[in-house]
Amino acid sequence: QVQLVESGGGLVQAGGSLRLSCAASGRTSSIYTMGWFRQAPGKEREFVAALMWLGVSKNYAESVKGRFTISRDNAKNTLYLQMNSLKPEDTAVYYCAARFTVGWDTIAYSDDYKSWGQGTQVTVSS
């Protein structure tokens, strides 16, 4: 069992930056991939970014490439999402999630992630 707790959300003006954190605890040695997803009001949850917990591979949604950076600190069991050049359309609840199955093909599929944090609100004003 892995527990995830996000922090770092808030209100920011368009063009601003925020950094989200996700602290993992429990059986972190079983994590293969960690990712960030987001859900805006009235919309389905969507993939934002993911990385291999013990590797170098990373992947981003097209909508955030060049603006968001996913990273980790394995010593602290913490996942980060640095968000720059924020836009109003980035407004959503952001969730971190852990995936325990090997493979890279389905990293953007939320159903493959079995542990989820409670979410943190990010609001970007225009």
C-alpha atoms as a PDB file:
ATOM      1  CA  GLN A   1       0.000   0.000   0.000  1.00  0.00           C
ATOM      2  CA  VAL A   2       1.259   3.446  -0.935  1.00  0.00           C
ATOM      3  CA  GLN A   3      -0.133   6.683   0.442  1.00  0.00           C
ATOM      4  CA  LEU A   4       0.189   9.942  -1.491  1.00  0.00           C
ATOM      5  CA  VAL A   5      -0.277  13.498  -0.238  1.00  0.00           C
ATOM      6  CA  GLU A   6      -0.168  16.481  -2.592  1.00  0.00           C
ATOM      7  CA  SER A   7       0.612  20.071  -1.683  1.00  0.00           C
ATOM      8  CA  GLY A   8       1.504  23.332  -3.374  1.00  0.00           C
ATOM      9  CA  GLY A   9      -1.666  24.294  -5.172  1.00  0.00           C
ATOM     10  CA  GLY A  10      -3.101  27.777  -5.065  1.00  0.00           C
ATOM     11  CA  LEU A  11      -4.218  30.828  -6.992  1.00  0.00           C
ATOM     12  CA  VAL A  12      -1.850  32.397  -9.491  1.00  0.00           C
ATOM     13  CA  GLN A  13      -2.135  34.881 -12.329  1.00  0.00           C
ATOM     14  CA  ALA A  14      -1.701  33.819 -15.925  1.00  0.00           C
ATOM     15  CA  GLY A  15       1.983  33.600 -16.785  1.00  0.00           C
ATOM     16  CA  GLY A  16       2.907  32.720 -13.224  1.00  0.00           C
ATOM     17  CA  SER A  17       4.420  29.587 -11.727  1.00  0.00           C
ATOM     18  CA  LEU A  18       3.601  27.001  -9.098  1.00  0.00           C
ATOM     19  CA  ARG A  19       5.345  23.872  -7.873  1.00  0.00           C
ATOM     20  CA  LEU A  20       3.306  20.914  -6.731  1.00  0.00           C
ATOM     21  CA  SER A  21       4.707  18.266  -4.419  1.00  0.00           C
ATOM     22  CA  CYS A  22       3.539  14.735  -3.742  1.00  0.00           C
ATOM     23  CA  ALA A  23       4.905  12.892  -0.726  1.00  0.00           C
ATOM     24  CA  ALA A  24       4.767   9.108  -0.943  1.00  0.00           C
ATOM     25  CA  SER A  25       4.819   6.740   2.017  1.00  0.00           C
ATOM     26  CA  GLY A  26       4.320   3.043   2.609  1.00  0.00           C
ATOM     27  CA  ARG A  27       5.605   0.439   0.141  1.00  0.00           C
ATOM     28  CA  THR A  28       7.350   2.914  -2.149  1.00  0.00           C
ATOM     29  CA  SER A  29       9.733   0.202  -3.342  1.00  0.00           C
ATOM     30  CA  SER A  30       6.829  -1.261  -5.335  1.00  0.00           C
ATOM     31  CA  ILE A  31       6.316   1.920  -7.409  1.00  0.00           C
ATOM     32  CA  TYR A  32       7.226   1.671 -11.105  1.00  0.00           C
ATOM     33  CA  THR A  33       5.797   4.931 -12.438  1.00  0.00           C
ATOM     34  CA  MET A  34       4.422   8.087 -10.879  1.00  0.00           C
ATOM     35  CA  GLY A  35       2.295  10.608 -12.655  1.00  0.00           C
ATOM     36  CA  TRP A  36       0.285  13.779 -12.436  1.00  0.00           C
ATOM     37  CA  PHE A  37      -3.267  14.018 -13.670  1.00  0.00           C
ATOM     38  CA  ARG A  38      -5.754  16.873 -13.535  1.00  0.00           C
ATOM     39  CA  GLN A  39      -9.490  17.321 -13.661  1.00  0.00           C
ATOM     40  CA  ALA A  40     -11.245  20.556 -14.503  1.00  0.00           C
ATOM     41  CA  PRO A  41     -14.909  21.160 -13.617  1.00  0.00           C
ATOM     42  CA  GLY A  42     -17.197  19.297 -15.976  1.00  0.00           C
ATOM     43  CA  LYS A  43     -14.321  17.519 -17.690  1.00  0.00           C
ATOM     44  CA  GLU A  44     -12.771  14.084 -17.473  1.00  0.00           C
ATOM     45  CA  ARG A  45      -9.518  13.486 -15.655  1.00  0.00           C
ATOM     46  CA  GLU A  46      -6.580  13.920 -18.032  1.00  0.00           C
ATOM     47  CA  PHE A  47      -2.943  12.925 -18.069  1.00  0.00           C
ATOM     48  CA  VAL A  48      -0.390  15.651 -17.428  1.00  0.00           C
ATOM     49  CA  ALA A  49       3.013  14.005 -16.964  1.00  0.00           C
ATOM     50  CA  ALA A  50       4.694  10.850 -15.709  1.00  0.00           C
ATOM     51  CA  LEU A  51       8.113   9.480 -14.948  1.00  0.00           C
ATOM     52  CA  MET A  52       9.762   6.204 -14.076  1.00  0.00           C
ATOM     53  CA  TRP A  53      10.325   6.132 -10.350  1.00  0.00           C
ATOM     54  CA  LEU A  54      13.776   4.555 -10.669  1.00  0.00           C
ATOM     55  CA  GLY A  55      14.597   5.376 -14.263  1.00  0.00           C
ATOM     56  CA  VAL A  56      15.079   8.333 -16.569  1.00  0.00           C
ATOM     57  CA  SER A  57      12.020   8.180 -18.818  1.00  0.00           C
ATOM     58  CA  LYS A  58       9.497  10.995 -18.681  1.00  0.00           C
ATOM     59  CA  ASN A  59       6.440  11.835 -20.711  1.00  0.00           C
ATOM     60  CA  TYR A  60       4.226  14.896 -20.981  1.00  0.00           C
ATOM     61  CA  ALA A  61       0.852  15.767 -22.417  1.00  0.00           C
ATOM     62  CA  GLU A  62       1.171  17.962 -25.490  1.00  0.00           C
ATOM     63  CA  SER A  63      -0.721  20.747 -23.752  1.00  0.00           C
ATOM     64  CA  VAL A  64       1.974  21.176 -21.086  1.00  0.00           C
ATOM     65  CA  LYS A  65       5.181  20.362 -22.969  1.00  0.00           C
ATOM     66  CA  GLY A  66       7.757  23.084 -22.584  1.00  0.00           C
ATOM     67  CA  ARG A  67       5.909  24.633 -19.637  1.00  0.00           C
ATOM     68  CA  PHE A  68       5.707  21.871 -17.004  1.00  0.00           C
ATOM     69  CA  THR A  69       8.543  19.762 -15.629  1.00  0.00           C
ATOM     70  CA  ILE A  70       8.077  16.548 -13.671  1.00  0.00           C
ATOM     71  CA  SER A  71      10.840  15.450 -11.318  1.00  0.00           C
ATOM     72  CA  ARG A  72      11.430  13.372  -8.218  1.00  0.00           C
ATOM     73  CA  ASP A  73      13.610  13.081  -5.159  1.00  0.00           C
ATOM     74  CA  ASN A  74      13.862   9.398  -4.354  1.00  0.00           C
ATOM     75  CA  ALA A  75      15.618  10.054  -1.054  1.00  0.00           C
ATOM     76  CA  LYS A  76      12.589  12.034   0.082  1.00  0.00           C
ATOM     77  CA  ASN A  77      10.053   9.841  -1.744  1.00  0.00           C
ATOM     78  CA  THR A  78       8.641  12.997  -3.262  1.00  0.00           C
ATOM     79  CA  LEU A  79       7.342  13.775  -6.726  1.00  0.00           C
ATOM     80  CA  TYR A  80       7.236  17.315  -8.085  1.00  0.00           C
ATOM     81  CA  LEU A  81       5.528  19.202 -10.870  1.00  0.00           C
ATOM     82  CA  GLN A  82       7.016  22.571 -11.735  1.00  0.00           C
ATOM     83  CA  MET A  83       4.448  24.559 -13.672  1.00  0.00           C
ATOM     84  CA  ASN A  84       5.566  27.684 -15.526  1.00  0.00           C
ATOM     85  CA  SER A  85       3.776  30.021 -17.919  1.00  0.00           C
ATOM     86  CA  LEU A  86       0.468  28.982 -16.452  1.00  0.00           C
ATOM     87  CA  LYS A  87      -2.704  29.577 -18.437  1.00  0.00           C
ATOM     88  CA  PRO A  88      -6.331  29.838 -17.304  1.00  0.00           C
ATOM     89  CA  GLU A  89      -6.991  26.509 -19.020  1.00  0.00           C
ATOM     90  CA  ASP A  90      -4.559  24.870 -16.578  1.00  0.00           C
ATOM     91  CA  THR A  91      -7.104  25.471 -13.817  1.00  0.00           C
ATOM     92  CA  ALA A  92      -8.019  22.095 -12.317  1.00  0.00           C
ATOM     93  CA  VAL A  93      -7.602  19.796  -9.368  1.00  0.00           C
ATOM     94  CA  TYR A  94      -4.226  18.135  -9.738  1.00  0.00           C
ATOM     95  CA  TYR A  95      -3.689  14.574  -8.552  1.00  0.00           C
ATOM     96  CA  CYS A  96      -0.548  12.530  -8.183  1.00  0.00           C
ATOM     97  CA  ALA A  97      -0.767   8.797  -8.682  1.00  0.00           C
ATOM     98  CA  ALA A  98       1.413   5.716  -8.434  1.00  0.00           C
ATOM     99  CA  ARG A  99       1.536   2.813 -10.850  1.00  0.00           C
ATOM    100  CA  PHE A 100       2.930  -0.574  -9.918  1.00  0.00           C
ATOM    101  CA  THR A 101       2.926  -2.428 -13.233  1.00  0.00           C
ATOM    102  CA  VAL A 102       5.984  -2.644 -15.472  1.00  0.00           C
ATOM    103  CA  GLY A 103       5.782  -1.092 -18.909  1.00  0.00           C
ATOM    104  CA  TRP A 104       5.688   2.325 -20.478  1.00  0.00           C
ATOM    105  CA  ASP A 105       2.950   2.040 -23.103  1.00  0.00           C
ATOM    106  CA  THR A 106       0.029   2.822 -20.830  1.00  0.00           C
ATOM    107  CA  ILE A 107       1.514   5.467 -18.564  1.00  0.00           C
ATOM    108  CA  ALA A 108      -1.125   7.989 -19.616  1.00  0.00           C
ATOM    109  CA  TYR A 109      -4.034   5.716 -18.680  1.00  0.00           C
ATOM    110  CA  SER A 110      -5.430   6.684 -15.301  1.00  0.00           C
ATOM    111  CA  ASP A 111      -6.934   3.217 -14.779  1.00  0.00           C
ATOM    112  CA  ASP A 112      -3.413   1.768 -14.553  1.00  0.00           C
ATOM    113  CA  TYR A 113      -2.631   3.872 -11.492  1.00  0.00           C
ATOM    114  CA  LYS A 114      -3.750   2.229  -8.273  1.00  0.00           C
ATOM    115  CA  SER A 115      -2.812   4.757  -5.595  1.00  0.00           C
ATOM    116  CA  TRP A 116      -4.032   8.349  -5.714  1.00  0.00           C
ATOM    117  CA  GLY A 117      -3.603  11.447  -3.626  1.00  0.00           C
ATOM    118  CA  GLN A 118      -6.474  13.621  -2.483  1.00  0.00           C
ATOM    119  CA  GLY A 119      -5.788  16.327  -5.046  1.00  0.00           C
ATOM    120  CA  THR A 120      -4.741  19.963  -4.830  1.00  0.00           C
ATOM    121  CA  GLN A 121      -6.532  22.868  -6.480  1.00  0.00           C
ATOM    122  CA  VAL A 122      -4.706  25.029  -8.995  1.00  0.00           C
ATOM    123  CA  THR A 123      -6.512  28.155 -10.161  1.00  0.00           C
ATOM    124  CA  VAL A 124      -5.048  30.421 -12.834  1.00  0.00           C
ATOM    125  CA  SER A 125      -6.690  33.799 -13.231  1.00  0.00           C
ATOM    126  CA  SER A 126      -6.625  35.739 -16.488  1.00  0.00           C
END
